[in-house]
Amino acid sequence: MDASSYGPGLLGFLIVAAIGLALFFLLKNMNKQMRKIQVPPGGREDERRENGPEA
């Protein structure tokens, strides 16, 4: 075997493929969770808390 035939091999490919697959499912789940978030109408709630009651 000469030096030019070295590479990551099957194990390296499987590890990278598993990480890619895990990333795909994590992003898919994150998008599902982000769609569930209810945004309060009328803007951000922390801005209203800082400015105090509007009178």
C-alpha atoms as a PDB file:
ATOM      1  CA  MET A   1       0.000   0.000   0.000  1.00  0.00           C
ATOM      2  CA  ASP A   2       1.422   3.379  -0.940  1.00  0.00           C
ATOM      3  CA  ALA A   3       0.831   6.690   0.853  1.00  0.00           C
ATOM      4  CA  SER A   4      -1.660   7.977  -1.729  1.00  0.00           C
ATOM      5  CA  SER A   5      -4.195   5.233  -0.963  1.00  0.00           C
ATOM      6  CA  TYR A   6      -4.887   6.359   2.612  1.00  0.00           C
ATOM      7  CA  GLY A   7      -8.285   7.890   3.309  1.00  0.00           C
ATOM      8  CA  PRO A   8     -10.977   8.021   5.940  1.00  0.00           C
ATOM      9  CA  GLY A   9     -12.490   4.750   4.742  1.00  0.00           C
ATOM     10  CA  LEU A  10     -15.885   3.325   5.467  1.00  0.00           C
ATOM     11  CA  LEU A  11     -15.806   4.143   9.182  1.00  0.00           C
ATOM     12  CA  GLY A  12     -15.142   7.828   8.499  1.00  0.00           C
ATOM     13  CA  PHE A  13     -17.966   7.950   5.981  1.00  0.00           C
ATOM     14  CA  LEU A  14     -20.398   6.280   8.384  1.00  0.00           C
ATOM     15  CA  ILE A  15     -19.534   8.719  11.177  1.00  0.00           C
ATOM     16  CA  VAL A  16     -20.004  11.760   8.942  1.00  0.00           C
ATOM     17  CA  ALA A  17     -23.245  10.328   7.521  1.00  0.00           C
ATOM     18  CA  ALA A  18     -24.581   9.678  11.047  1.00  0.00           C
ATOM     19  CA  ILE A  19     -23.752  13.233  12.130  1.00  0.00           C
ATOM     20  CA  GLY A  20     -25.461  14.611   9.011  1.00  0.00           C
ATOM     21  CA  LEU A  21     -28.539  12.476   9.601  1.00  0.00           C
ATOM     22  CA  ALA A  22     -28.723  13.529  13.258  1.00  0.00           C
ATOM     23  CA  LEU A  23     -28.388  17.192  12.224  1.00  0.00           C
ATOM     24  CA  PHE A  24     -31.225  16.794   9.711  1.00  0.00           C
ATOM     25  CA  PHE A  25     -33.601  15.367  12.329  1.00  0.00           C
ATOM     26  CA  LEU A  26     -32.566  17.941  14.957  1.00  0.00           C
ATOM     27  CA  LEU A  27     -33.264  20.835  12.576  1.00  0.00           C
ATOM     28  CA  LYS A  28     -36.573  19.298  11.542  1.00  0.00           C
ATOM     29  CA  ASN A  29     -37.633  18.968  15.184  1.00  0.00           C
ATOM     30  CA  MET A  30     -36.440  22.498  15.996  1.00  0.00           C
ATOM     31  CA  ASN A  31     -38.580  23.935  13.190  1.00  0.00           C
ATOM     32  CA  LYS A  32     -41.604  22.043  14.517  1.00  0.00           C
ATOM     33  CA  GLN A  33     -41.012  23.442  18.019  1.00  0.00           C
ATOM     34  CA  MET A  34     -40.533  26.997  16.696  1.00  0.00           C
ATOM     35  CA  ARG A  35     -43.910  26.825  14.908  1.00  0.00           C
ATOM     36  CA  LYS A  36     -45.586  26.037  18.255  1.00  0.00           C
ATOM     37  CA  ILE A  37     -44.402  29.292  19.875  1.00  0.00           C
ATOM     38  CA  GLN A  38     -47.211  31.814  20.319  1.00  0.00           C
ATOM     39  CA  VAL A  39     -46.098  35.427  19.815  1.00  0.00           C
ATOM     40  CA  PRO A  40     -48.111  37.852  21.957  1.00  0.00           C
ATOM     41  CA  PRO A  41     -50.070  40.367  19.854  1.00  0.00           C
ATOM     42  CA  GLY A  42     -48.889  43.954  19.997  1.00  0.00           C
ATOM     43  CA  GLY A  43     -45.140  43.468  20.083  1.00  0.00           C
ATOM     44  CA  ARG A  44     -42.560  42.196  22.480  1.00  0.00           C
ATOM     45  CA  GLU A  45     -43.540  41.685  26.086  1.00  0.00           C
ATOM     46  CA  ASP A  46     -40.173  42.665  27.578  1.00  0.00           C
ATOM     47  CA  GLU A  47     -40.408  46.134  25.982  1.00  0.00           C
ATOM     48  CA  ARG A  48     -43.770  46.709  27.662  1.00  0.00           C
ATOM     49  CA  ARG A  49     -42.334  45.603  31.010  1.00  0.00           C
ATOM     50  CA  GLU A  50     -39.406  48.040  30.725  1.00  0.00           C
ATOM     51  CA  ASN A  51     -41.542  51.022  29.724  1.00  0.00           C
ATOM     52  CA  GLY A  52     -44.069  50.510  32.488  1.00  0.00           C
ATOM     53  CA  PRO A  53     -47.853  50.829  32.211  1.00  0.00           C
ATOM     54  CA  GLU A  54     -49.113  52.997  29.420  1.00  0.00           C
ATOM     55  CA  ALA A  55     -51.480  55.652  30.703  1.00  0.00           C
END
